[in-house]
PDB file of N, CA and C in Angstrom:
ATOM      1  N   MET A   1      20.190 -11.797  20.311  1.00  0.00           N
ATOM      2  CA  MET A   1      20.537 -10.426  20.654  1.00  0.00           C
ATOM      3  C   MET A   1      19.936 -10.083  22.016  1.00  0.00           C
ATOM      4  N   ARG A   2      20.717  -9.516  22.854  1.00  0.00           N
ATOM      5  CA  ARG A   2      20.284  -9.164  24.201  1.00  0.00           C
ATOM      6  C   ARG A   2      19.868  -7.706  24.266  1.00  0.00           C
ATOM      7  N   ARG A   3      18.731  -7.449  24.940  1.00  0.00           N
ATOM      8  CA  ARG A   3      18.250  -6.070  25.060  1.00  0.00           C
ATOM      9  C   ARG A   3      18.895  -5.417  26.268  1.00  0.00           C
ATOM     10  N   GLU A   4      19.588  -4.345  26.066  1.00  0.00           N
ATOM     11  CA  GLU A   4      20.292  -3.646  27.129  1.00  0.00           C
ATOM     12  C   GLU A   4      19.492  -2.474  27.691  1.00  0.00           C
ATOM     13  N   ASP A   5      18.368  -2.119  27.052  1.00  0.00           N
ATOM     14  CA  ASP A   5      17.620  -0.946  27.491  1.00  0.00           C
ATOM     15  C   ASP A   5      16.671  -1.232  28.654  1.00  0.00           C
ATOM     16  N   LYS A   6      16.514  -2.499  29.024  1.00  0.00           N
ATOM     17  CA  LYS A   6      15.627  -2.830  30.144  1.00  0.00           C
ATOM     18  C   LYS A   6      16.369  -3.715  31.127  1.00  0.00           C
ATOM     19  N   ILE A   7      16.449  -3.279  32.362  1.00  0.00           N
ATOM     20  CA  ILE A   7      17.155  -4.011  33.394  1.00  0.00           C
ATOM     21  C   ILE A   7      16.146  -4.442  34.443  1.00  0.00           C
ATOM     22  N   ASP A   8      16.135  -5.715  34.781  1.00  0.00           N
ATOM     23  CA  ASP A   8      15.250  -6.236  35.821  1.00  0.00           C
ATOM     24  C   ASP A   8      15.989  -6.135  37.152  1.00  0.00           C
ATOM     25  N   LEU A   9      15.463  -5.313  38.039  1.00  0.00           N
ATOM     26  CA  LEU A   9      16.112  -5.096  39.332  1.00  0.00           C
ATOM     27  C   LEU A   9      15.525  -5.965  40.438  1.00  0.00           C
ATOM     28  N   GLY A  10      14.560  -6.810  40.103  1.00  0.00           N
ATOM     29  CA  GLY A  10      13.943  -7.654  41.120  1.00  0.00           C
ATOM     30  C   GLY A  10      12.460  -7.361  41.225  1.00  0.00           C
ATOM     31  N   SER A  11      11.869  -7.799  42.318  1.00  0.00           N
ATOM     32  CA  SER A  11      10.426  -7.623  42.488  1.00  0.00           C
ATOM     33  C   SER A  11      10.122  -6.646  43.622  1.00  0.00           C
ATOM     34  N   VAL A  12       8.922  -6.141  43.575  1.00  0.00           N
ATOM     35  CA  VAL A  12       8.424  -5.254  44.621  1.00  0.00           C
ATOM     36  C   VAL A  12       7.217  -5.929  45.246  1.00  0.00           C
ATOM     37  N   GLN A  13       7.218  -6.044  46.557  1.00  0.00           N
ATOM     38  CA  GLN A  13       6.095  -6.642  47.258  1.00  0.00           C
ATOM     39  C   GLN A  13       5.501  -5.597  48.184  1.00  0.00           C
ATOM     40  N   VAL A  14       4.179  -5.562  48.220  1.00  0.00           N
ATOM     41  CA  VAL A  14       3.461  -4.602  49.050  1.00  0.00           C
ATOM     42  C   VAL A  14       2.676  -5.383  50.098  1.00  0.00           C
ATOM     43  N   HIS A  15       2.888  -5.051  51.354  1.00  0.00           N
ATOM     44  CA  HIS A  15       2.200  -5.727  52.451  1.00  0.00           C
ATOM     45  C   HIS A  15       0.719  -5.376  52.438  1.00  0.00           C
ATOM     46  N   LYS A  16      -0.097  -6.303  52.907  1.00  0.00           N
ATOM     47  CA  LYS A  16      -1.550  -6.076  52.939  1.00  0.00           C
ATOM     48  C   LYS A  16      -1.921  -4.874  53.800  1.00  0.00           C
ATOM     49  N   LYS A  17      -1.113  -4.564  54.803  1.00  0.00           N
ATOM     50  CA  LYS A  17      -1.409  -3.399  55.641  1.00  0.00           C
ATOM     51  C   LYS A  17      -1.299  -2.100  54.845  1.00  0.00           C
ATOM     52  N   VAL A  18      -0.445  -2.083  53.834  1.00  0.00           N
ATOM     53  CA  VAL A  18      -0.334  -0.906  52.975  1.00  0.00           C
ATOM     54  C   VAL A  18      -1.619  -0.737  52.179  1.00  0.00           C
ATOM     55  N   PHE A  19      -2.145  -1.846  51.637  1.00  0.00           N
ATOM     56  CA  PHE A  19      -3.440  -1.802  50.957  1.00  0.00           C
ATOM     57  C   PHE A  19      -4.499  -1.227  51.895  1.00  0.00           C
ATOM     58  N   ALA A  20      -4.543  -1.753  53.121  1.00  0.00           N
ATOM     59  CA  ALA A  20      -5.549  -1.325  54.089  1.00  0.00           C
ATOM     60  C   ALA A  20      -5.423   0.159  54.403  1.00  0.00           C
ATOM     61  N   GLU A  21      -4.202   0.654  54.543  1.00  0.00           N
ATOM     62  CA  GLU A  21      -4.010   2.074  54.822  1.00  0.00           C
ATOM     63  C   GLU A  21      -4.464   2.941  53.652  1.00  0.00           C
ATOM     64  N   ILE A  22      -4.196   2.495  52.427  1.00  0.00           N
ATOM     65  CA  ILE A  22      -4.640   3.239  51.243  1.00  0.00           C
ATOM     66  C   ILE A  22      -6.162   3.262  51.197  1.00  0.00           C
ATOM     67  N   ILE A  23      -6.787   2.128  51.456  1.00  0.00           N
ATOM     68  CA  ILE A  23      -8.251   2.043  51.432  1.00  0.00           C
ATOM     69  C   ILE A  23      -8.865   2.916  52.518  1.00  0.00           C
ATOM     70  N   ALA A  24      -8.328   2.827  53.732  1.00  0.00           N
ATOM     71  CA  ALA A  24      -8.862   3.636  54.842  1.00  0.00           C
ATOM     72  C   ALA A  24      -8.724   5.128  54.545  1.00  0.00           C
ATOM     73  N   SER A  25      -7.597   5.528  53.977  1.00  0.00           N
ATOM     74  CA  SER A  25      -7.400   6.936  53.628  1.00  0.00           C
ATOM     75  C   SER A  25      -8.375   7.361  52.541  1.00  0.00           C
ATOM     76  N   ALA A  26      -8.619   6.501  51.560  1.00  0.00           N
ATOM     77  CA  ALA A  26      -9.563   6.824  50.490  1.00  0.00           C
ATOM     78  C   ALA A  26     -10.975   6.977  51.040  1.00  0.00           C
ATOM     79  N   LEU A  27     -11.343   6.140  52.005  1.00  0.00           N
ATOM     80  CA  LEU A  27     -12.693   6.220  52.575  1.00  0.00           C
ATOM     81  C   LEU A  27     -12.918   7.519  53.346  1.00  0.00           C
ATOM     82  N   ASP A  28     -11.839   8.125  53.827  1.00  0.00           N
ATOM     83  CA  ASP A  28     -11.969   9.419  54.507  1.00  0.00           C
ATOM     84  C   ASP A  28     -12.511  10.489  53.562  1.00  0.00           C
ATOM     85  N   GLU A  29     -12.340  10.279  52.255  1.00  0.00           N
ATOM     86  CA  GLU A  29     -12.806  11.243  51.256  1.00  0.00           C
ATOM     87  C   GLU A  29     -14.298  11.095  50.935  1.00  0.00           C
ATOM     88  N   VAL A  30     -14.915   9.982  51.335  1.00  0.00           N
ATOM     89  CA  VAL A  30     -16.322   9.732  51.028  1.00  0.00           C
ATOM     90  C   VAL A  30     -17.169  10.201  52.204  1.00  0.00           C
ATOM     91  N   GLU A  31     -17.955  11.229  51.978  1.00  0.00           N
ATOM     92  CA  GLU A  31     -18.762  11.814  53.049  1.00  0.00           C
ATOM     93  C   GLU A  31     -19.888  10.868  53.468  1.00  0.00           C
ATOM     94  N   GLY A  32     -20.062  10.721  54.770  1.00  0.00           N
ATOM     95  CA  GLY A  32     -21.155   9.929  55.306  1.00  0.00           C
ATOM     96  C   GLY A  32     -20.895   8.432  55.356  1.00  0.00           C
ATOM     97  N   VAL A  33     -19.661   8.027  55.088  1.00  0.00           N
ATOM     98  CA  VAL A  33     -19.308   6.609  55.066  1.00  0.00           C
ATOM     99  C   VAL A  33     -18.011   6.429  55.839  1.00  0.00           C
ATOM    100  N   HIS A  34     -17.936   5.375  56.646  1.00  0.00           N
ATOM    101  CA  HIS A  34     -16.667   5.022  57.264  1.00  0.00           C
ATOM    102  C   HIS A  34     -16.631   3.535  57.602  1.00  0.00           C
ATOM    103  N   LEU A  35     -15.439   3.052  57.883  1.00  0.00           N
ATOM    104  CA  LEU A  35     -15.262   1.646  58.220  1.00  0.00           C
ATOM    105  C   LEU A  35     -15.990   1.298  59.499  1.00  0.00           C
ATOM    106  N   ILE A  36     -16.292   0.003  59.658  1.00  0.00           N
ATOM    107  CA  ILE A  36     -16.920  -0.423  60.904  1.00  0.00           C
ATOM    108  C   ILE A  36     -16.002  -0.085  62.068  1.00  0.00           C
ATOM    109  N   GLN A  37     -16.570  -0.027  63.256  1.00  0.00           N
ATOM    110  CA  GLN A  37     -15.828   0.383  64.440  1.00  0.00           C
ATOM    111  C   GLN A  37     -14.854  -0.683  64.890  1.00  0.00           C
ATOM    112  N   GLU A  38     -13.823  -0.220  65.562  1.00  0.00           N
ATOM    113  CA  GLU A  38     -12.829  -1.118  66.134  1.00  0.00           C
ATOM    114  C   GLU A  38     -13.426  -1.889  67.306  1.00  0.00           C
ATOM    115  N   ASN A  39     -12.945  -3.104  67.484  1.00  0.00           N
ATOM    116  CA  ASN A  39     -13.309  -3.845  68.670  1.00  0.00           C
ATOM    117  C   ASN A  39     -12.176  -3.735  69.691  1.00  0.00           C
ATOM    118  N   LEU A  40     -12.334  -4.352  70.825  1.00  0.00           N
ATOM    119  CA  LEU A  40     -11.344  -4.228  71.896  1.00  0.00           C
ATOM    120  C   LEU A  40      -9.967  -4.745  71.460  1.00  0.00           C
ATOM    121  N   GLY A  41      -9.938  -5.847  70.722  1.00  0.00           N
ATOM    122  CA  GLY A  41      -8.659  -6.396  70.257  1.00  0.00           C
ATOM    123  C   GLY A  41      -7.908  -5.439  69.355  1.00  0.00           C
ATOM    124  N   ASN A  42      -8.645  -4.768  68.446  1.00  0.00           N
ATOM    125  CA  ASN A  42      -8.020  -3.805  67.549  1.00  0.00           C
ATOM    126  C   ASN A  42      -7.518  -2.588  68.308  1.00  0.00           C
ATOM    127  N   LYS A  43      -8.259  -2.163  69.319  1.00  0.00           N
ATOM    128  CA  LYS A  43      -7.826  -1.015  70.118  1.00  0.00           C
ATOM    129  C   LYS A  43      -6.548  -1.340  70.889  1.00  0.00           C
ATOM    130  N   LEU A  44      -6.474  -2.557  71.442  1.00  0.00           N
ATOM    131  CA  LEU A  44      -5.258  -2.960  72.157  1.00  0.00           C
ATOM    132  C   LEU A  44      -4.070  -3.044  71.207  1.00  0.00           C
ATOM    133  N   ALA A  45      -4.287  -3.559  70.001  1.00  0.00           N
ATOM    134  CA  ALA A  45      -3.204  -3.628  69.016  1.00  0.00           C
ATOM    135  C   ALA A  45      -2.717  -2.224  68.681  1.00  0.00           C
ATOM    136  N   GLY A  46      -3.641  -1.266  68.591  1.00  0.00           N
ATOM    137  CA  GLY A  46      -3.280   0.119  68.307  1.00  0.00           C
ATOM    138  C   GLY A  46      -2.439   0.736  69.399  1.00  0.00           C
ATOM    139  N   ILE A  47      -2.707   0.364  70.639  1.00  0.00           N
ATOM    140  CA  ILE A  47      -1.933   0.868  71.764  1.00  0.00           C
ATOM    141  C   ILE A  47      -0.471   0.422  71.642  1.00  0.00           C
ATOM    142  N   PHE A  48      -0.270  -0.791  71.138  1.00  0.00           N
ATOM    143  CA  PHE A  48       1.081  -1.335  71.003  1.00  0.00           C
ATOM    144  C   PHE A  48       1.702  -1.037  69.648  1.00  0.00           C
ATOM    145  N   GLY A  49       1.112  -0.095  68.915  1.00  0.00           N
ATOM    146  CA  GLY A  49       1.713   0.371  67.674  1.00  0.00           C
ATOM    147  C   GLY A  49       1.352  -0.416  66.431  1.00  0.00           C
ATOM    148  N   GLN A  50       0.462  -1.381  66.540  1.00  0.00           N
ATOM    149  CA  GLN A  50       0.040  -2.141  65.369  1.00  0.00           C
ATOM    150  C   GLN A  50      -1.298  -1.607  64.897  1.00  0.00           C
ATOM    151  N   LYS A  51      -1.299  -0.964  63.755  1.00  0.00           N
ATOM    152  CA  LYS A  51      -2.524  -0.385  63.230  1.00  0.00           C
ATOM    153  C   LYS A  51      -3.333  -1.468  62.527  1.00  0.00           C
ATOM    154  N   GLU A  52      -4.560  -1.646  62.953  1.00  0.00           N
ATOM    155  CA  GLU A  52      -5.431  -2.661  62.381  1.00  0.00           C
ATOM    156  C   GLU A  52      -6.647  -1.990  61.754  1.00  0.00           C
ATOM    157  N   PHE A  53      -7.164  -2.585  60.699  1.00  0.00           N
ATOM    158  CA  PHE A  53      -8.348  -2.084  60.021  1.00  0.00           C
ATOM    159  C   PHE A  53      -9.383  -3.202  59.993  1.00  0.00           C
ATOM    160  N   PRO A  54     -10.283  -3.231  60.981  1.00  0.00           N
ATOM    161  CA  PRO A  54     -11.202  -4.368  61.106  1.00  0.00           C
ATOM    162  C   PRO A  54     -12.179  -4.510  59.942  1.00  0.00           C
ATOM    163  N   GLY A  55     -12.456  -3.468  59.208  1.00  0.00           N
ATOM    164  CA  GLY A  55     -13.441  -3.535  58.140  1.00  0.00           C
ATOM    165  C   GLY A  55     -12.860  -3.808  56.767  1.00  0.00           C
ATOM    166  N   ILE A  56     -11.608  -4.227  56.701  1.00  0.00           N
ATOM    167  CA  ILE A  56     -10.965  -4.441  55.404  1.00  0.00           C
ATOM    168  C   ILE A  56     -10.371  -5.848  55.362  1.00  0.00           C
ATOM    169  N   ASP A  57     -10.749  -6.598  54.331  1.00  0.00           N
ATOM    170  CA  ASP A  57     -10.190  -7.923  54.106  1.00  0.00           C
ATOM    171  C   ASP A  57      -9.614  -7.948  52.694  1.00  0.00           C
ATOM    172  N   ILE A  58      -8.372  -8.385  52.575  1.00  0.00           N
ATOM    173  CA  ILE A  58      -7.664  -8.396  51.290  1.00  0.00           C
ATOM    174  C   ILE A  58      -7.264  -9.826  50.983  1.00  0.00           C
ATOM    175  N   ARG A  59      -7.677 -10.291  49.802  1.00  0.00           N
ATOM    176  CA  ARG A  59      -7.315 -11.643  49.377  1.00  0.00           C
ATOM    177  C   ARG A  59      -6.625 -11.585  48.021  1.00  0.00           C
ATOM    178  N   VAL A  60      -5.571 -12.377  47.885  1.00  0.00           N
ATOM    179  CA  VAL A  60      -4.831 -12.476  46.624  1.00  0.00           C
ATOM    180  C   VAL A  60      -4.967 -13.919  46.138  1.00  0.00           C
ATOM    181  N   ASP A  61      -5.451 -14.102  44.900  1.00  0.00           N
ATOM    182  CA  ASP A  61      -5.626 -15.454  44.375  1.00  0.00           C
ATOM    183  C   ASP A  61      -4.355 -15.951  43.694  1.00  0.00           C
ATOM    184  N   ASP A  62      -4.432 -17.144  43.140  1.00  0.00           N
ATOM    185  CA  ASP A  62      -3.258 -17.767  42.504  1.00  0.00           C
ATOM    186  C   ASP A  62      -2.763 -17.008  41.283  1.00  0.00           C
ATOM    187  N   ASN A  63      -3.641 -16.213  40.657  1.00  0.00           N
ATOM    188  CA  ASN A  63      -3.259 -15.407  39.492  1.00  0.00           C
ATOM    189  C   ASN A  63      -2.764 -14.024  39.886  1.00  0.00           C
ATOM    190  N   HIS A  64      -2.559 -13.809  41.179  1.00  0.00           N
ATOM    191  CA  HIS A  64      -2.095 -12.538  41.732  1.00  0.00           C
ATOM    192  C   HIS A  64      -3.111 -11.418  41.526  1.00  0.00           C
ATOM    193  N   GLU A  65      -4.388 -11.782  41.444  1.00  0.00           N
ATOM    194  CA  GLU A  65      -5.449 -10.782  41.382  1.00  0.00           C
ATOM    195  C   GLU A  65      -5.963 -10.551  42.798  1.00  0.00           C
ATOM    196  N   VAL A  66      -6.258  -9.296  43.093  1.00  0.00           N
ATOM    197  CA  VAL A  66      -6.636  -8.901  44.446  1.00  0.00           C
ATOM    198  C   VAL A  66      -8.143  -8.668  44.530  1.00  0.00           C
ATOM    199  N   THR A  67      -8.741  -9.246  45.574  1.00  0.00           N
ATOM    200  CA  THR A  67     -10.148  -9.009  45.883  1.00  0.00           C
ATOM    201  C   THR A  67     -10.211  -8.305  47.230  1.00  0.00           C
ATOM    202  N   LEU A  68     -10.940  -7.205  47.275  1.00  0.00           N
ATOM    203  CA  LEU A  68     -11.091  -6.426  48.497  1.00  0.00           C
ATOM    204  C   LEU A  68     -12.505  -6.569  49.043  1.00  0.00           C
ATOM    205  N   GLU A  69     -12.620  -6.767  50.330  1.00  0.00           N
ATOM    206  CA  GLU A  69     -13.897  -6.776  51.035  1.00  0.00           C
ATOM    207  C   GLU A  69     -13.846  -5.618  52.029  1.00  0.00           C
ATOM    208  N   VAL A  70     -14.791  -4.700  51.916  1.00  0.00           N
ATOM    209  CA  VAL A  70     -14.811  -3.525  52.778  1.00  0.00           C
ATOM    210  C   VAL A  70     -16.147  -3.474  53.502  1.00  0.00           C
ATOM    211  N   GLN A  71     -16.092  -3.401  54.827  1.00  0.00           N
ATOM    212  CA  GLN A  71     -17.300  -3.327  55.646  1.00  0.00           C
ATOM    213  C   GLN A  71     -17.450  -1.898  56.148  1.00  0.00           C
ATOM    214  N   ILE A  72     -18.592  -1.294  55.824  1.00  0.00           N
ATOM    215  CA  ILE A  72     -18.782   0.123  56.139  1.00  0.00           C
ATOM    216  C   ILE A  72     -20.071   0.366  56.900  1.00  0.00           C
ATOM    217  N   LEU A  73     -20.121   1.542  57.479  1.00  0.00           N
ATOM    218  CA  LEU A  73     -21.348   2.114  58.037  1.00  0.00           C
ATOM    219  C   LEU A  73     -21.714   3.311  57.175  1.00  0.00           C
ATOM    220  N   VAL A  74     -23.002   3.502  56.953  1.00  0.00           N
ATOM    221  CA  VAL A  74     -23.489   4.601  56.118  1.00  0.00           C
ATOM    222  C   VAL A  74     -24.392   5.492  56.972  1.00  0.00           C
ATOM    223  N   ARG A  75     -24.231   6.787  56.800  1.00  0.00           N
ATOM    224  CA  ARG A  75     -25.049   7.746  57.539  1.00  0.00           C
ATOM    225  C   ARG A  75     -26.515   7.610  57.135  1.00  0.00           C
ATOM    226  N   TYR A  76     -27.393   7.687  58.105  1.00  0.00           N
ATOM    227  CA  TYR A  76     -28.835   7.608  57.867  1.00  0.00           C
ATOM    228  C   TYR A  76     -29.269   8.671  56.862  1.00  0.00           C
ATOM    229  N   GLY A  77     -30.093   8.293  55.918  1.00  0.00           N
ATOM    230  CA  GLY A  77     -30.615   9.215  54.925  1.00  0.00           C
ATOM    231  C   GLY A  77     -29.885   9.161  53.596  1.00  0.00           C
ATOM    232  N   MET A  78     -28.709   8.506  53.567  1.00  0.00           N
ATOM    233  CA  MET A  78     -27.961   8.403  52.318  1.00  0.00           C
ATOM    234  C   MET A  78     -28.524   7.257  51.476  1.00  0.00           C
ATOM    235  N   ASN A  79     -28.400   7.373  50.175  1.00  0.00           N
ATOM    236  CA  ASN A  79     -28.775   6.295  49.273  1.00  0.00           C
ATOM    237  C   ASN A  79     -27.675   5.243  49.351  1.00  0.00           C
ATOM    238  N   ILE A  80     -28.003   4.070  49.860  1.00  0.00           N
ATOM    239  CA  ILE A  80     -26.995   3.042  50.129  1.00  0.00           C
ATOM    240  C   ILE A  80     -26.316   2.542  48.853  1.00  0.00           C
ATOM    241  N   PRO A  81     -27.052   2.196  47.785  1.00  0.00           N
ATOM    242  CA  PRO A  81     -26.344   1.749  46.568  1.00  0.00           C
ATOM    243  C   PRO A  81     -25.418   2.823  45.994  1.00  0.00           C
ATOM    244  N   ASP A  82     -25.846   4.092  46.022  1.00  0.00           N
ATOM    245  CA  ASP A  82     -24.988   5.168  45.532  1.00  0.00           C
ATOM    246  C   ASP A  82     -23.738   5.312  46.399  1.00  0.00           C
ATOM    247  N   ALA A  83     -23.914   5.219  47.714  1.00  0.00           N
ATOM    248  CA  ALA A  83     -22.774   5.330  48.628  1.00  0.00           C
ATOM    249  C   ALA A  83     -21.796   4.178  48.395  1.00  0.00           C
ATOM    250  N   ALA A  84     -22.313   2.975  48.204  1.00  0.00           N
ATOM    251  CA  ALA A  84     -21.447   1.811  47.973  1.00  0.00           C
ATOM    252  C   ALA A  84     -20.685   1.955  46.655  1.00  0.00           C
ATOM    253  N   ARG A  85     -21.352   2.432  45.613  1.00  0.00           N
ATOM    254  CA  ARG A  85     -20.668   2.644  44.331  1.00  0.00           C
ATOM    255  C   ARG A  85     -19.587   3.708  44.454  1.00  0.00           C
ATOM    256  N   GLN A  86     -19.878   4.766  45.211  1.00  0.00           N
ATOM    257  CA  GLN A  86     -18.891   5.819  45.410  1.00  0.00           C
ATOM    258  C   GLN A  86     -17.678   5.269  46.162  1.00  0.00           C
ATOM    259  N   VAL A  87     -17.922   4.401  47.144  1.00  0.00           N
ATOM    260  CA  VAL A  87     -16.824   3.762  47.874  1.00  0.00           C
ATOM    261  C   VAL A  87     -15.981   2.934  46.913  1.00  0.00           C
ATOM    262  N   GLN A  88     -16.625   2.137  46.059  1.00  0.00           N
ATOM    263  CA  GLN A  88     -15.896   1.315  45.086  1.00  0.00           C
ATOM    264  C   GLN A  88     -15.047   2.185  44.155  1.00  0.00           C
ATOM    265  N   GLU A  89     -15.640   3.245  43.626  1.00  0.00           N
ATOM    266  CA  GLU A  89     -14.912   4.115  42.695  1.00  0.00           C
ATOM    267  C   GLU A  89     -13.743   4.824  43.373  1.00  0.00           C
ATOM    268  N   THR A  90     -13.955   5.283  44.603  1.00  0.00           N
ATOM    269  CA  THR A  90     -12.903   5.987  45.331  1.00  0.00           C
ATOM    270  C   THR A  90     -11.742   5.049  45.648  1.00  0.00           C
ATOM    271  N   ILE A  91     -12.059   3.836  46.079  1.00  0.00           N
ATOM    272  CA  ILE A  91     -11.003   2.863  46.380  1.00  0.00           C
ATOM    273  C   ILE A  91     -10.256   2.488  45.105  1.00  0.00           C
ATOM    274  N   LYS A  92     -10.979   2.232  44.023  1.00  0.00           N
ATOM    275  CA  LYS A  92     -10.334   1.864  42.758  1.00  0.00           C
ATOM    276  C   LYS A  92      -9.393   2.963  42.289  1.00  0.00           C
ATOM    277  N   SER A  93      -9.844   4.204  42.381  1.00  0.00           N
ATOM    278  CA  SER A  93      -9.011   5.332  41.969  1.00  0.00           C
ATOM    279  C   SER A  93      -7.744   5.417  42.825  1.00  0.00           C
ATOM    280  N   ALA A  94      -7.894   5.259  44.125  1.00  0.00           N
ATOM    281  CA  ALA A  94      -6.742   5.349  45.030  1.00  0.00           C
ATOM    282  C   ALA A  94      -5.748   4.213  44.768  1.00  0.00           C
ATOM    283  N   ILE A  95      -6.252   3.007  44.550  1.00  0.00           N
ATOM    284  CA  ILE A  95      -5.383   1.866  44.275  1.00  0.00           C
ATOM    285  C   ILE A  95      -4.681   2.042  42.928  1.00  0.00           C
ATOM    286  N   ASP A  96      -5.421   2.501  41.920  1.00  0.00           N
ATOM    287  CA  ASP A  96      -4.830   2.719  40.597  1.00  0.00           C
ATOM    288  C   ASP A  96      -3.714   3.758  40.639  1.00  0.00           C
ATOM    289  N   LYS A  97      -3.892   4.800  41.472  1.00  0.00           N
ATOM    290  CA  LYS A  97      -2.879   5.854  41.571  1.00  0.00           C
ATOM    291  C   LYS A  97      -1.615   5.396  42.277  1.00  0.00           C
ATOM    292  N   THR A  98      -1.765   4.481  43.234  1.00  0.00           N
ATOM    293  CA  THR A  98      -0.631   4.167  44.096  1.00  0.00           C
ATOM    294  C   THR A  98       0.025   2.817  43.846  1.00  0.00           C
ATOM    295  N   LEU A  99      -0.712   1.857  43.304  1.00  0.00           N
ATOM    296  CA  LEU A  99      -0.173   0.507  43.135  1.00  0.00           C
ATOM    297  C   LEU A  99      -0.435  -0.003  41.724  1.00  0.00           C
ATOM    298  N   ASP A 100       0.457  -0.821  41.241  1.00  0.00           N
ATOM    299  CA  ASP A 100       0.305  -1.451  39.938  1.00  0.00           C
ATOM    300  C   ASP A 100      -0.088  -2.910  40.172  1.00  0.00           C
ATOM    301  N   ILE A 101      -1.400  -3.140  40.364  1.00  0.00           N
ATOM    302  CA  ILE A 101      -1.879  -4.492  40.671  1.00  0.00           C
ATOM    303  C   ILE A 101      -3.066  -4.833  39.790  1.00  0.00           C
ATOM    304  N   ASN A 102      -3.396  -6.118  39.784  1.00  0.00           N
ATOM    305  CA  ASN A 102      -4.609  -6.583  39.110  1.00  0.00           C
ATOM    306  C   ASN A 102      -5.716  -6.634  40.146  1.00  0.00           C
ATOM    307  N   LEU A 103      -6.572  -5.645  40.138  1.00  0.00           N
ATOM    308  CA  LEU A 103      -7.672  -5.560  41.087  1.00  0.00           C
ATOM    309  C   LEU A 103      -8.878  -6.271  40.491  1.00  0.00           C
ATOM    310  N   ARG A 104      -9.265  -7.374  41.103  1.00  0.00           N
ATOM    311  CA  ARG A 104     -10.355  -8.185  40.560  1.00  0.00           C
ATOM    312  C   ARG A 104     -11.714  -7.661  40.990  1.00  0.00           C
ATOM    313  N   ASP A 105     -11.937  -7.540  42.296  1.00  0.00           N
ATOM    314  CA  ASP A 105     -13.241  -7.118  42.832  1.00  0.00           C
ATOM    315  C   ASP A 105     -13.049  -6.186  44.018  1.00  0.00           C
ATOM    316  N   ILE A 106     -14.015  -5.288  44.164  1.00  0.00           N
ATOM    317  CA  ILE A 106     -14.131  -4.479  45.379  1.00  0.00           C
ATOM    318  C   ILE A 106     -15.551  -4.703  45.881  1.00  0.00           C
ATOM    319  N   ASN A 107     -15.682  -5.537  46.892  1.00  0.00           N
ATOM    320  CA  ASN A 107     -16.990  -5.857  47.458  1.00  0.00           C
ATOM    321  C   ASN A 107     -17.235  -4.977  48.675  1.00  0.00           C
ATOM    322  N   VAL A 108     -18.351  -4.271  48.657  1.00  0.00           N
ATOM    323  CA  VAL A 108     -18.706  -3.373  49.752  1.00  0.00           C
ATOM    324  C   VAL A 108     -19.880  -3.984  50.507  1.00  0.00           C
ATOM    325  N   ASN A 109     -19.690  -4.193  51.794  1.00  0.00           N
ATOM    326  CA  ASN A 109     -20.733  -4.738  52.654  1.00  0.00           C
ATOM    327  C   ASN A 109     -21.158  -3.656  53.639  1.00  0.00           C
ATOM    328  N   VAL A 110     -22.407  -3.215  53.520  1.00  0.00           N
ATOM    329  CA  VAL A 110     -22.924  -2.209  54.440  1.00  0.00           C
ATOM    330  C   VAL A 110     -23.367  -2.943  55.697  1.00  0.00           C
ATOM    331  N   GLN A 111     -22.695  -2.660  56.802  1.00  0.00           N
ATOM    332  CA  GLN A 111     -22.923  -3.352  58.057  1.00  0.00           C
ATOM    333  C   GLN A 111     -23.933  -2.656  58.958  1.00  0.00           C
ATOM    334  N   GLY A 112     -24.239  -1.404  58.638  1.00  0.00           N
ATOM    335  CA  GLY A 112     -25.185  -0.701  59.483  1.00  0.00           C
ATOM    336  C   GLY A 112     -25.406   0.733  59.040  1.00  0.00           C
ATOM    337  N   ILE A 113     -26.373   1.338  59.686  1.00  0.00           N
ATOM    338  CA  ILE A 113     -26.727   2.733  59.451  1.00  0.00           C
ATOM    339  C   ILE A 113     -26.339   3.502  60.701  1.00  0.00           C
ATOM    340  N   GLU A 114     -25.745   4.647  60.491  1.00  0.00           N
ATOM    341  CA  GLU A 114     -25.339   5.494  61.605  1.00  0.00           C
ATOM    342  C   GLU A 114     -26.204   6.738  61.608  1.00  0.00           C
ATOM    343  N   LYS A 115     -26.831   6.976  62.733  1.00  0.00           N
ATOM    344  CA  LYS A 115     -27.646   8.187  62.866  1.00  0.00           C
ATOM    345  C   LYS A 115     -26.762   9.367  63.170  1.00  0.00           C
ATOM    346  N   ALA A 116     -27.118  10.514  62.611  1.00  0.00           N
ATOM    347  CA  ALA A 116     -26.352  11.716  62.848  1.00  0.00           C
ATOM    348  C   ALA A 116     -26.479  12.138  64.304  1.00  0.00           C
ATOM    349  N   ALA A 117     -25.411  12.664  64.838  1.00  0.00           N
ATOM    350  CA  ALA A 117     -25.427  13.163  66.208  1.00  0.00           C
ATOM    351  C   ALA A 117     -26.340  14.371  66.296  1.00  0.00           C
ATOM    352  N   PRO A 118     -27.144  14.469  67.344  1.00  0.00           N
ATOM    353  CA  PRO A 118     -28.028  15.624  67.478  1.00  0.00           C
ATOM    354  C   PRO A 118     -27.226  16.907  67.667  1.00  0.00           C
ATOM    355  N   THR A 119     -27.704  17.976  67.047  1.00  0.00           N
ATOM    356  CA  THR A 119     -27.048  19.264  67.203  1.00  0.00           C
ATOM    357  C   THR A 119     -27.556  19.963  68.442  1.00  0.00           C
ATOM    358  N   PRO A 120     -26.652  20.606  69.180  1.00  0.00           N
ATOM    359  CA  PRO A 120     -27.057  21.265  70.430  1.00  0.00           C
ATOM    360  C   PRO A 120     -27.873  22.511  70.199  1.00  0.00           C
TER     361      PRO A 120
END
């Protein structure tokens, strides 16, 4: 007996840049944390319309599970483990809302501390 209530229309593929854009947007919601700074190559790519995210690495294994590596800067005075956990939770929530994937790991690497700009 053939099931007529479910039709397979094909597959959906999401480019890694879409993942990176979702992650970068989610990080905007975490106060005192942001991706590492762009280098000259990334800035030149941006001039030519190619948006690059230097602090985000996305890997997909043979089981189609996704591992994310995120490199961030944290504002001086923040609790680093708490900030990293908040980054993980925010990214997981954003990915869960927008994509149907098997998210294996979200690894957060704190690359530096950023001092607050002096107030005039």
